[in-house]
Amino acid sequence: FLPQGRAQQGVCIIHRQLGQCSDLVSQRATLQAGRSGLLGSIVHGLDIAQQLSDDFGIDASGVEFLPALDLAAAVGDSDAIITVTPSRKPIIQKAWLKPGTHLSCLGSDMESKQEIESTIFQGAAFYADDRAQCICVGEMELPIKQGVVSADDITGEIGDLIDGKVPGRTSDTQTTIFDATGLYILDLAAAKVAIDRALAEGVGLQADL
């Protein structure tokens, strides 16, 4: 639960930094849809507005959540896209994107995985959660190996963006990409916050391992 919750919160932060509005298309493979998280809830028909309220304190009572029946059309109608799949071939094509789209790619976390077409990186501002790790196993791995872009084209790490050390979106028509491979140190930090809060509020159980 902690890694998924941390990833969801991280994506929300990134979309506030790079996105242009709240429209969102979420793509999740059937294999992963059964796991916890909002994307799986779409597939299983759960009350997502209630889940957002319970988990994050967000009022989404006026929002309708629907699965996309035509991926290309949904992508072309969206300002922000999250991919969370184990795909090894692109599921999002550059021709489908409208100008100014933001993409957060969470599925590529080992060699040869790829969720978006390599050419989407051309001319885009793209960011890594960890530069070295993303070059080796992230969404940018194959575009760099294919020579579509180079490591020198990486705009920066996402922490640098949040700190204002690297530029964010420079125009309403610029494509932006967040490559998130996942870092264990972030899970440890999230776990510490959860433990500290549990201890402070006197809830939970302690076990000797």
Protein backbone atom coordinates (compact mmCIF):
# COMPACT_ATOMS: atom_id res chain seq x y z
CA PHE A 1 0.00 0.00 0.00
CA LEU A 2 2.75 2.50 0.89
CA PRO A 3 4.58 2.34 -2.48
CA GLN A 4 1.31 2.74 -4.38
CA GLY A 5 0.12 5.59 -2.19
CA ARG A 6 3.48 7.30 -2.41
CA ALA A 7 3.48 6.93 -6.21
CA GLN A 8 -0.03 8.38 -6.49
CA GLN A 9 0.90 11.38 -4.34
CA GLY A 10 4.10 11.88 -6.34
CA VAL A 11 2.23 11.92 -9.63
CA CYS A 12 -0.20 14.51 -8.23
CA ILE A 13 2.74 16.75 -7.32
CA ILE A 14 4.29 16.36 -10.78
CA HIS A 15 1.04 17.11 -12.55
CA ARG A 16 0.73 20.32 -10.57
CA GLN A 17 4.27 21.22 -11.65
CA LEU A 18 4.00 20.30 -15.34
CA GLY A 19 0.37 19.73 -16.23
CA GLN A 20 -2.03 22.31 -17.58
CA CYS A 21 -5.34 21.15 -16.11
CA SER A 22 -7.02 18.24 -14.38
CA ASP A 23 -8.03 16.10 -17.39
CA LEU A 24 -6.55 12.63 -17.03
CA VAL A 25 -6.38 9.40 -18.96
CA SER A 26 -5.07 6.44 -16.96
CA GLN A 27 -3.93 3.26 -18.69
CA ARG A 28 -3.46 0.10 -16.64
CA ALA A 29 -2.89 -3.44 -17.87
CA THR A 30 -5.48 -6.04 -16.97
CA LEU A 31 -2.91 -7.96 -14.95
CA GLN A 32 -2.34 -4.96 -12.70
CA ALA A 33 -5.94 -3.79 -12.52
CA GLY A 34 -6.77 -6.14 -9.70
CA ARG A 35 -4.32 -4.44 -7.35
CA SER A 36 -5.19 -1.52 -5.13
CA GLY A 37 -5.27 2.03 -6.46
CA LEU A 38 -7.62 4.32 -8.33
CA LEU A 39 -6.85 2.87 -11.75
CA GLY A 40 -7.95 -0.59 -10.73
CA SER A 41 -11.10 0.94 -9.28
CA ILE A 42 -12.11 2.16 -12.73
CA VAL A 43 -11.93 -1.38 -14.08
CA HIS A 44 -13.86 -2.86 -11.16
CA GLY A 45 -16.53 -0.15 -11.12
CA LEU A 46 -15.82 1.01 -7.58
CA ASP A 47 -16.85 4.43 -6.24
CA ILE A 48 -13.72 6.40 -7.10
CA ALA A 49 -15.09 9.69 -5.78
CA GLN A 50 -15.60 8.04 -2.39
CA GLN A 51 -12.12 6.50 -2.53
CA LEU A 52 -10.57 9.89 -3.26
CA SER A 53 -12.45 11.37 -0.33
CA ASP A 54 -11.50 8.55 2.05
CA ASP A 55 -7.83 8.27 1.04
CA PHE A 56 -6.88 11.83 0.13
CA GLY A 57 -9.61 14.16 1.40
CA ILE A 58 -10.43 15.23 -2.17
CA ASP A 59 -14.00 16.19 -3.10
CA ALA A 60 -14.63 14.62 -6.50
CA SER A 61 -18.38 14.27 -6.09
CA GLY A 62 -19.00 16.24 -9.28
CA VAL A 63 -16.57 14.23 -11.41
CA GLU A 64 -17.57 11.27 -13.57
CA PHE A 65 -14.97 8.51 -13.96
CA LEU A 66 -15.29 6.33 -17.05
CA PRO A 67 -13.03 3.73 -18.69
CA ALA A 68 -11.82 4.75 -22.15
CA LEU A 69 -13.16 2.51 -24.91
CA ASP A 70 -11.05 4.17 -27.63
CA LEU A 71 -7.51 4.76 -26.37
CA ALA A 72 -6.38 6.92 -29.30
CA ALA A 73 -9.41 9.21 -28.99
CA ALA A 74 -9.05 9.44 -25.21
CA VAL A 75 -5.35 10.30 -25.48
CA GLY A 76 -6.07 12.97 -28.08
CA ASP A 77 -8.67 14.55 -25.79
CA SER A 78 -6.45 14.62 -22.68
CA ASP A 79 -4.05 17.17 -21.26
CA ALA A 80 -2.39 14.71 -18.88
CA ILE A 81 -1.74 10.97 -19.19
CA ILE A 82 -0.47 8.40 -16.70
CA THR A 83 0.82 5.02 -17.91
CA VAL A 84 1.19 2.21 -15.37
CA THR A 85 1.69 -1.00 -17.36
CA PRO A 86 4.33 -3.73 -17.79
CA SER A 87 4.36 -3.16 -21.57
CA ARG A 88 7.42 -3.90 -23.68
CA LYS A 89 6.08 -2.11 -26.74
CA PRO A 90 4.61 1.40 -26.93
CA ILE A 91 0.92 1.72 -26.10
CA ILE A 92 0.80 5.52 -26.63
CA GLN A 93 1.62 6.86 -30.10
CA LYS A 94 2.95 10.33 -30.80
CA ALA A 95 0.35 10.92 -33.52
CA TRP A 96 -2.41 10.62 -30.90
CA LEU A 97 -1.12 13.42 -28.66
CA LYS A 98 -2.36 16.97 -28.83
CA PRO A 99 0.11 19.84 -28.30
CA GLY A 100 0.99 20.51 -24.68
CA THR A 101 0.27 17.03 -23.31
CA HIS A 102 1.98 15.92 -20.11
CA LEU A 103 2.85 12.23 -19.62
CA SER A 104 3.82 10.51 -16.38
CA CYS A 105 5.29 7.08 -17.14
CA LEU A 106 5.40 4.76 -14.13
CA GLY A 107 5.48 1.30 -15.69
CA SER A 108 9.03 1.13 -17.03
CA ASP A 109 11.16 -0.12 -14.16
CA MET A 110 13.45 -2.66 -15.83
CA GLU A 111 15.33 -3.01 -19.10
CA SER A 112 13.35 -3.13 -22.37
CA LYS A 113 10.03 -1.95 -20.93
CA GLN A 114 8.39 0.83 -22.93
CA GLU A 115 4.97 2.47 -22.68
CA ILE A 116 5.18 5.48 -25.03
CA GLU A 117 6.57 5.82 -28.54
CA SER A 118 10.24 6.84 -28.56
CA THR A 119 9.67 9.83 -30.84
CA ILE A 120 7.47 11.46 -28.18
CA PHE A 121 10.72 12.40 -26.44
CA GLN A 122 11.87 14.49 -29.44
CA GLY A 123 11.43 18.16 -28.60
CA ALA A 124 9.87 17.36 -25.22
CA ALA A 125 11.03 18.48 -21.80
CA PHE A 126 11.59 15.24 -19.90
CA TYR A 127 12.46 14.62 -16.27
CA ALA A 128 13.72 11.66 -14.25
CA ASP A 129 13.07 10.63 -10.67
CA ASP A 130 16.71 9.43 -10.71
CA ARG A 131 18.80 10.28 -13.78
CA ALA A 132 21.15 7.26 -13.75
CA GLN A 133 18.39 4.78 -13.01
CA CYS A 134 16.04 6.14 -15.68
CA ILE A 135 18.79 5.99 -18.31
CA CYS A 136 19.35 2.31 -17.46
CA VAL A 137 15.82 1.00 -16.90
CA GLY A 138 13.30 3.84 -17.30
CA GLU A 139 11.01 4.98 -20.07
CA MET A 140 13.86 6.99 -21.57
CA GLU A 141 16.16 3.93 -21.77
CA LEU A 142 15.15 2.81 -25.28
CA PRO A 143 14.80 6.29 -26.85
CA ILE A 144 18.38 7.01 -25.69
CA LYS A 145 19.69 3.65 -26.93
CA GLN A 146 17.92 4.20 -30.26
CA GLY A 147 19.54 7.64 -30.65
CA VAL A 148 16.20 9.45 -30.67
CA VAL A 149 17.45 11.61 -27.79
CA SER A 150 20.58 11.61 -25.65
CA ALA A 151 21.23 11.70 -21.93
CA ASP A 152 22.28 15.33 -22.40
CA ASP A 153 18.71 16.14 -23.44
CA ILE A 154 17.29 15.24 -20.01
CA THR A 155 15.87 18.46 -18.59
CA GLY A 156 16.67 17.40 -15.04
CA GLU A 157 15.59 15.36 -12.07
CA ILE A 158 12.16 16.00 -10.66
CA GLY A 159 13.57 17.17 -7.33
CA ASP A 160 15.49 19.88 -9.17
CA LEU A 161 12.26 20.95 -10.88
CA ILE A 162 10.45 21.25 -7.55
CA ASP A 163 13.39 23.23 -6.12
CA GLY A 164 13.39 25.55 -9.13
CA LYS A 165 16.87 24.50 -10.26
CA VAL A 166 15.71 23.46 -13.75
CA PRO A 167 12.97 24.95 -15.93
CA GLY A 168 9.49 23.49 -16.16
CA ARG A 169 7.02 23.87 -18.98
CA THR A 170 8.04 26.72 -21.28
CA SER A 171 4.91 26.93 -23.45
CA ASP A 172 1.34 25.71 -23.65
CA THR A 173 2.24 23.52 -26.64
CA GLN A 174 5.32 21.83 -25.16
CA THR A 175 5.16 18.10 -24.42
CA THR A 176 6.46 17.20 -20.95
CA ILE A 177 7.36 13.75 -19.62
CA PHE A 178 8.04 12.44 -16.11
CA ASP A 179 9.94 9.14 -16.08
CA ALA A 180 9.32 7.46 -12.72
CA THR A 181 11.18 4.21 -12.12
CA GLY A 182 10.51 4.21 -8.38
CA LEU A 183 13.11 4.67 -5.65
CA TYR A 184 13.31 2.57 -2.49
CA ILE A 185 14.44 5.60 -0.49
CA LEU A 186 11.07 7.26 -1.17
CA ASP A 187 9.24 4.19 0.13
CA LEU A 188 11.40 4.24 3.27
CA ALA A 189 10.65 7.93 3.78
CA ALA A 190 6.91 7.32 3.36
CA ALA A 191 7.08 4.39 5.77
CA LYS A 192 8.83 6.55 8.39
CA VAL A 193 6.13 9.20 8.15
CA ALA A 194 3.44 6.52 8.58
CA ILE A 195 5.21 4.98 11.59
CA ASP A 196 5.82 8.35 13.23
CA ARG A 197 2.15 9.30 12.84
CA ALA A 198 0.98 5.93 14.14
CA LEU A 199 3.17 6.24 17.22
CA ALA A 200 2.05 9.82 17.83
CA GLU A 201 -1.63 8.85 17.58
CA GLY A 202 -1.26 5.58 19.49
CA VAL A 203 -2.61 3.35 16.73
CA GLY A 204 -1.33 0.21 15.03
CA LEU A 205 0.49 -2.85 16.35
CA GLN A 206 4.21 -3.32 16.96
CA ALA A 207 5.82 -6.67 16.18
CA ASP A 208 9.30 -8.03 16.80
CA LEU A 209 10.78 -9.43 13.59
